[in-house]
N, C-alpha and C. Protein backbone atom coordinates (compact mmCIF):
# COMPACT_ATOMS: atom_id res chain seq x y z
N MET A 1 2.58 -6.12 -16.10
CA MET A 1 1.18 -6.69 -15.76
C MET A 1 0.93 -7.12 -16.88
N ASP A 2 0.33 -8.07 -17.11
CA ASP A 2 -0.49 -9.19 -18.19
C ASP A 2 -1.50 -8.76 -18.55
N CYS A 3 -2.18 -7.89 -17.71
CA CYS A 3 -4.19 -7.96 -18.14
C CYS A 3 -3.50 -6.50 -19.41
N LEU A 4 -4.47 -6.12 -20.34
CA LEU A 4 -3.70 -4.67 -21.12
C LEU A 4 -4.95 -3.93 -20.33
N PHE A 5 -5.93 -4.53 -19.94
CA PHE A 5 -7.25 -3.05 -19.39
C PHE A 5 -6.33 -2.87 -18.01
N CYS A 6 -5.95 -3.60 -17.45
CA CYS A 6 -5.25 -2.99 -16.08
C CYS A 6 -4.55 -2.09 -16.74
N ALA A 7 -3.62 -2.11 -17.17
CA ALA A 7 -2.31 -1.17 -18.08
C ALA A 7 -2.91 0.06 -18.22
N ILE A 8 -4.06 0.03 -18.92
CA ILE A 8 -4.85 1.14 -18.95
C ILE A 8 -5.45 2.05 -18.02
N VAL A 9 -6.28 1.22 -16.92
CA VAL A 9 -6.31 1.88 -15.86
C VAL A 9 -5.34 2.14 -14.87
N ALA A 10 -4.16 1.51 -14.85
CA ALA A 10 -2.95 2.05 -14.45
C ALA A 10 -2.04 3.38 -15.32
N LYS A 11 -2.92 3.78 -16.63
CA LYS A 11 -1.87 4.52 -16.73
C LYS A 11 -0.85 4.07 -17.47
N THR A 12 -0.22 3.12 -17.45
CA THR A 12 0.90 2.98 -17.72
C THR A 12 0.78 2.74 -20.34
N ILE A 13 -0.42 2.19 -20.12
CA ILE A 13 -0.86 1.90 -21.37
C ILE A 13 -1.69 3.69 -21.97
N PRO A 14 -1.27 4.04 -23.23
CA PRO A 14 -2.03 5.26 -23.38
C PRO A 14 -3.39 4.51 -24.15
N ALA A 15 -4.66 5.50 -23.77
CA ALA A 15 -6.14 5.52 -24.37
C ALA A 15 -6.52 6.97 -24.18
N LYS A 16 -7.66 6.88 -25.27
CA LYS A 16 -8.44 8.13 -25.34
C LYS A 16 -9.92 7.72 -24.69
N ILE A 17 -9.49 8.08 -23.30
CA ILE A 17 -10.48 8.27 -21.83
C ILE A 17 -11.64 9.19 -22.26
N LEU A 18 -12.74 8.71 -22.28
CA LEU A 18 -14.08 9.55 -22.60
C LEU A 18 -14.92 9.62 -21.15
N TYR A 19 -14.72 8.96 -20.10
CA TYR A 19 -14.96 8.74 -19.31
C TYR A 19 -14.54 7.84 -17.83
N GLU A 20 -14.70 8.60 -16.67
CA GLU A 20 -14.07 8.17 -15.57
C GLU A 20 -14.66 8.57 -14.37
N ASN A 21 -14.55 7.49 -13.41
CA ASN A 21 -14.92 7.74 -12.32
C ASN A 21 -14.50 7.15 -11.24
N GLU A 22 -14.64 6.72 -10.28
CA GLU A 22 -13.65 5.79 -9.18
C GLU A 22 -13.53 4.07 -9.28
N HIS A 23 -14.86 3.92 -10.02
CA HIS A 23 -15.17 2.31 -10.39
C HIS A 23 -14.82 2.26 -12.14
N VAL A 24 -15.11 2.92 -12.89
CA VAL A 24 -15.50 2.56 -13.93
C VAL A 24 -14.38 3.58 -14.80
N LEU A 25 -13.84 3.21 -15.93
CA LEU A 25 -13.10 4.15 -17.29
C LEU A 25 -13.80 3.15 -18.47
N ALA A 26 -14.23 4.50 -19.51
CA ALA A 26 -14.57 4.07 -20.74
C ALA A 26 -13.14 5.10 -21.42
N PHE A 27 -13.19 4.33 -23.06
CA PHE A 27 -12.10 4.76 -23.61
C PHE A 27 -12.43 3.99 -25.07
N GLU A 28 -12.28 4.73 -26.27
CA GLU A 28 -12.15 4.38 -27.31
C GLU A 28 -11.80 3.02 -27.92
N ASP A 29 -12.10 2.01 -27.90
CA ASP A 29 -11.51 1.30 -29.15
C ASP A 29 -11.05 1.57 -30.12
N ILE A 30 -9.37 0.85 -30.02
CA ILE A 30 -8.31 0.87 -31.32
C ILE A 30 -8.99 0.18 -32.25
N ASN A 31 -10.22 -0.48 -32.25
CA ASN A 31 -10.67 -1.70 -33.42
C ASN A 31 -11.66 -1.00 -33.47
N PRO A 32 -12.06 0.18 -33.89
CA PRO A 32 -13.43 0.26 -33.97
C PRO A 32 -14.32 -0.64 -34.77
N GLN A 33 -15.91 -1.16 -34.70
CA GLN A 33 -16.31 -1.78 -35.33
C GLN A 33 -17.83 -0.65 -35.68
N ALA A 34 -17.59 0.30 -35.49
CA ALA A 34 -19.09 1.71 -35.60
C ALA A 34 -18.17 2.58 -35.93
N PRO A 35 -18.95 3.61 -36.01
CA PRO A 35 -18.37 4.93 -35.92
C PRO A 35 -18.01 5.34 -34.77
N SER A 36 -18.66 4.88 -33.82
CA SER A 36 -18.23 5.32 -32.91
C SER A 36 -18.26 3.80 -31.30
N HIS A 37 -17.40 3.53 -31.16
CA HIS A 37 -16.72 2.12 -30.50
C HIS A 37 -16.33 2.66 -29.14
N VAL A 38 -16.83 2.15 -27.96
CA VAL A 38 -16.25 3.14 -27.01
C VAL A 38 -16.30 1.39 -25.97
N LEU A 39 -15.37 1.28 -25.20
CA LEU A 39 -15.09 -0.45 -24.12
C LEU A 39 -15.32 0.86 -22.92
N ILE A 40 -16.20 0.15 -21.91
CA ILE A 40 -16.20 -0.01 -20.67
C ILE A 40 -16.09 -0.98 -20.34
N ILE A 41 -15.24 -0.40 -18.76
CA ILE A 41 -14.29 -1.66 -18.14
C ILE A 41 -14.36 -1.41 -16.46
N PRO A 42 -14.87 -2.30 -16.07
CA PRO A 42 -14.87 -2.04 -14.00
C PRO A 42 -12.82 -1.72 -13.68
N LYS A 43 -12.45 -0.61 -13.21
CA LYS A 43 -11.33 -0.82 -12.72
C LYS A 43 -10.51 -1.84 -12.08
N GLN A 44 -11.36 -2.14 -11.65
CA GLN A 44 -11.19 -3.27 -10.59
C GLN A 44 -11.00 -5.03 -11.82
N HIS A 45 -10.12 -5.76 -11.74
CA HIS A 45 -9.56 -6.43 -12.83
C HIS A 45 -10.91 -7.63 -12.65
N ILE A 46 -11.39 -8.05 -13.24
CA ILE A 46 -12.70 -9.28 -13.21
C ILE A 46 -12.43 -9.69 -14.31
N PRO A 47 -11.92 -11.12 -14.78
CA PRO A 47 -11.91 -11.37 -16.21
C PRO A 47 -12.97 -12.22 -17.17
N THR A 48 -13.98 -12.53 -16.58
CA THR A 48 -15.47 -12.58 -17.40
C THR A 48 -16.91 -12.18 -16.78
N LEU A 49 -17.63 -12.12 -17.38
CA LEU A 49 -19.22 -12.02 -17.01
C LEU A 49 -18.89 -13.62 -15.77
N ASN A 50 -18.56 -14.30 -16.18
CA ASN A 50 -18.70 -15.62 -15.25
C ASN A 50 -17.98 -15.07 -13.89
N ASP A 51 -17.26 -14.18 -13.89
CA ASP A 51 -16.32 -13.96 -12.80
C ASP A 51 -16.99 -13.09 -11.63
N LEU A 52 -18.21 -12.26 -12.10
CA LEU A 52 -18.73 -11.09 -11.35
C LEU A 52 -19.56 -12.29 -10.27
N GLN A 53 -19.51 -11.28 -9.09
CA GLN A 53 -19.76 -12.17 -7.94
C GLN A 53 -21.27 -11.41 -7.04
N ALA A 54 -22.02 -11.61 -6.25
CA ALA A 54 -22.74 -10.46 -6.15
C ALA A 54 -22.89 -9.39 -5.63
N ASN A 55 -21.87 -9.35 -4.41
CA ASN A 55 -21.65 -8.21 -3.92
C ASN A 55 -20.62 -7.31 -5.27
N GLN A 56 -20.97 -7.44 -6.31
CA GLN A 56 -20.50 -6.35 -6.96
C GLN A 56 -21.86 -5.97 -8.25
N ILE A 57 -23.04 -6.04 -7.71
CA ILE A 57 -24.02 -6.25 -8.83
C ILE A 57 -23.65 -4.74 -9.05
N ASP A 58 -23.97 -3.80 -7.67
CA ASP A 58 -24.10 -2.27 -8.27
C ASP A 58 -22.91 -2.00 -9.21
N LEU A 59 -21.32 -2.82 -8.97
CA LEU A 59 -20.40 -2.39 -10.00
C LEU A 59 -21.37 -2.49 -11.66
N ALA A 60 -21.60 -3.70 -11.48
CA ALA A 60 -22.37 -4.61 -12.92
C ALA A 60 -23.16 -2.83 -13.73
N GLY A 61 -23.93 -2.43 -12.46
CA GLY A 61 -25.33 -1.46 -13.18
C GLY A 61 -24.55 -0.11 -13.25
N SER A 62 -23.34 -0.01 -12.59
CA SER A 62 -22.64 0.98 -12.98
C SER A 62 -21.85 1.39 -14.42
N LEU A 63 -21.82 -0.22 -14.95
CA LEU A 63 -21.20 -0.17 -16.31
C LEU A 63 -22.11 0.15 -16.98
N LEU A 64 -23.58 -0.29 -17.06
CA LEU A 64 -24.66 -0.31 -17.74
C LEU A 64 -24.49 1.06 -17.79
N TYR A 65 -25.18 2.15 -16.80
CA TYR A 65 -25.47 3.17 -16.55
C TYR A 65 -24.66 4.17 -17.78
N THR A 66 -22.98 4.10 -16.85
CA THR A 66 -21.73 4.73 -17.60
C THR A 66 -22.56 4.33 -19.29
N ALA A 67 -23.22 3.26 -19.86
CA ALA A 67 -23.09 3.22 -21.41
C ALA A 67 -24.10 4.28 -21.78
N LYS A 68 -25.08 4.04 -20.91
CA LYS A 68 -26.43 5.29 -21.01
C LYS A 68 -26.02 6.59 -20.95
N HIS A 69 -25.08 6.53 -20.42
CA HIS A 69 -24.56 8.20 -20.16
C HIS A 69 -23.98 8.87 -21.36
N LEU A 70 -22.65 8.12 -21.97
CA LEU A 70 -21.98 8.09 -22.33
C LEU A 70 -22.62 8.36 -24.20
N ALA A 71 -23.96 6.77 -24.46
CA ALA A 71 -24.55 7.00 -25.48
C ALA A 71 -25.40 8.31 -25.47
N GLU A 72 -25.86 9.23 -24.41
CA GLU A 72 -26.51 10.57 -24.44
C GLU A 72 -25.37 11.54 -25.09
N GLN A 73 -24.22 11.01 -24.07
CA GLN A 73 -23.15 12.42 -24.29
C GLN A 73 -22.71 12.35 -25.86
N LEU A 74 -22.67 11.43 -26.62
CA LEU A 74 -22.24 11.32 -27.74
C LEU A 74 -23.28 11.53 -28.92
N GLY A 75 -24.51 11.81 -28.44
CA GLY A 75 -25.75 11.92 -29.24
C GLY A 75 -26.48 11.11 -30.58
N TYR A 76 -26.43 9.57 -29.22
CA TYR A 76 -27.03 8.97 -30.79
C TYR A 76 -28.23 7.51 -29.17
N ALA A 77 -28.06 8.51 -28.30
CA ALA A 77 -29.20 7.29 -27.18
C ALA A 77 -30.52 7.30 -28.12
N GLU A 78 -30.97 8.69 -28.18
CA GLU A 78 -31.53 8.66 -29.27
C GLU A 78 -32.38 7.75 -30.58
N SER A 79 -31.85 8.16 -31.15
CA SER A 79 -31.14 7.15 -32.41
C SER A 79 -31.27 5.45 -32.06
N GLY A 80 -30.62 5.03 -31.20
CA GLY A 80 -29.82 4.10 -30.91
C GLY A 80 -28.91 3.61 -30.65
N TYR A 81 -28.25 2.43 -30.22
CA TYR A 81 -26.91 2.01 -29.97
C TYR A 81 -27.52 0.66 -29.60
N ARG A 82 -25.77 -0.28 -29.86
CA ARG A 82 -25.77 -0.98 -29.16
C ARG A 82 -24.55 -1.94 -27.98
N VAL A 83 -25.13 -2.11 -26.88
CA VAL A 83 -24.55 -2.58 -25.89
C VAL A 83 -23.81 -4.09 -26.03
N VAL A 84 -22.72 -4.48 -26.10
CA VAL A 84 -22.63 -6.11 -26.10
C VAL A 84 -21.49 -6.52 -25.10
N ASN A 85 -21.50 -7.56 -24.47
CA ASN A 85 -20.43 -8.38 -23.48
C ASN A 85 -20.18 -9.67 -24.72
N ASN A 86 -18.86 -9.94 -24.71
CA ASN A 86 -18.42 -10.97 -25.44
C ASN A 86 -18.04 -12.12 -24.14
N CYS A 87 -18.40 -13.27 -23.36
CA CYS A 87 -17.57 -14.27 -22.57
C CYS A 87 -17.04 -15.05 -22.98
N LYS A 88 -15.87 -14.98 -22.46
CA LYS A 88 -15.06 -16.05 -22.73
C LYS A 88 -14.94 -16.41 -24.28
N GLU A 89 -13.74 -18.02 -24.64
CA GLU A 89 -13.46 -17.69 -26.20
C GLU A 89 -14.84 -18.13 -27.26
N ASP A 90 -15.70 -18.81 -26.48
CA ASP A 90 -16.98 -19.14 -27.90
C ASP A 90 -17.60 -17.80 -28.32
N GLY A 91 -17.87 -17.08 -26.83
CA GLY A 91 -18.05 -15.48 -27.39
C GLY A 91 -17.74 -14.47 -27.90
N GLY A 92 -16.29 -14.58 -28.27
CA GLY A 92 -15.61 -14.27 -28.74
C GLY A 92 -14.43 -12.98 -28.09
N GLN A 93 -14.56 -13.24 -26.35
CA GLN A 93 -13.98 -12.43 -25.79
C GLN A 93 -12.32 -12.69 -25.85
N ALA A 94 -11.86 -11.38 -26.35
CA ALA A 94 -10.61 -11.27 -26.71
C ALA A 94 -9.78 -11.27 -25.52
N VAL A 95 -10.35 -9.91 -24.53
CA VAL A 95 -9.36 -9.21 -23.32
C VAL A 95 -10.16 -10.05 -22.64
N TYR A 96 -9.19 -10.77 -21.52
CA TYR A 96 -9.83 -11.56 -20.23
C TYR A 96 -9.87 -10.12 -19.08
N HIS A 97 -10.73 -9.34 -18.86
CA HIS A 97 -10.82 -8.58 -18.48
C HIS A 97 -12.57 -8.19 -18.55
N LEU A 98 -13.20 -8.29 -17.28
CA LEU A 98 -14.79 -7.81 -17.77
C LEU A 98 -14.55 -5.78 -18.46
N HIS A 99 -15.42 -6.36 -20.09
CA HIS A 99 -15.63 -4.73 -20.62
C HIS A 99 -17.20 -5.31 -21.16
N LEU A 100 -17.80 -3.95 -21.77
CA LEU A 100 -18.50 -3.95 -22.58
C LEU A 100 -18.17 -2.99 -24.13
N HIS A 101 -19.26 -3.33 -24.55
CA HIS A 101 -18.42 -2.64 -25.97
C HIS A 101 -20.05 -1.67 -26.09
N LEU A 102 -19.64 -0.17 -25.97
CA LEU A 102 -20.73 0.59 -26.94
C LEU A 102 -20.78 1.22 -28.06
N LEU A 103 -21.59 0.47 -28.78
CA LEU A 103 -21.47 0.96 -30.34
C LEU A 103 -22.80 1.61 -30.68
N GLY A 104 -22.47 2.87 -31.81
CA GLY A 104 -23.32 3.61 -32.51
C GLY A 104 -22.75 4.27 -33.64
N ASN A 105 -23.86 5.23 -34.07
CA ASN A 105 -23.65 5.49 -35.20
C ASN A 105 -24.13 5.22 -36.27
N ARG A 106 -24.44 4.53 -36.29
CA ARG A 106 -24.39 3.52 -37.40
C ARG A 106 -25.91 2.55 -36.68
N VAL A 107 -26.36 1.65 -38.02
CA VAL A 107 -27.53 1.24 -38.13
C VAL A 107 -27.07 -0.14 -37.76
N PHE A 108 -27.64 -1.20 -36.79
CA PHE A 108 -27.12 -2.43 -36.86
C PHE A 108 -28.03 -3.47 -36.86
N THR A 109 -28.07 -4.44 -37.15
CA THR A 109 -29.19 -6.21 -38.00
C THR A 109 -28.56 -6.93 -36.74
N TRP A 110 -29.58 -8.18 -36.94
CA TRP A 110 -29.94 -8.63 -36.04
C TRP A 110 -30.52 -9.91 -36.86
N PRO A 111 -29.74 -11.09 -36.44
CA PRO A 111 -28.45 -11.63 -35.74
C PRO A 111 -26.90 -10.93 -36.09
N PRO A 112 -26.70 -10.51 -34.65
CA PRO A 112 -25.51 -9.89 -34.84
C PRO A 112 -23.94 -10.35 -35.45
N GLY A 113 -24.36 -12.25 -35.36
CA GLY A 113 -23.26 -12.81 -36.10
C GLY A 113 -22.67 -13.49 -35.86
């Protein structure tokens, strides 16, 4: 399996899973950029945000709703958090499987850099 995140979905690579349903998986980032750094992915392989199709709008909404739900569970929904998607090389995407970064438990500045 060439895709790291597909291997995590298949459970052939371990991860600290925080949330899972039929379509979405969320797990702790192994290189955290904040005290709380969770990756939220579709279980279906979609390489980039550019590859998202019209028939996957509900899946995209599920990813965002999962971010909101986890921010509440992890205790920083009220104080604030950041949700990021990096798309392609210039956007900083390192793993070509669509994913959101949920970052919390610290103050973020703007612009992000």
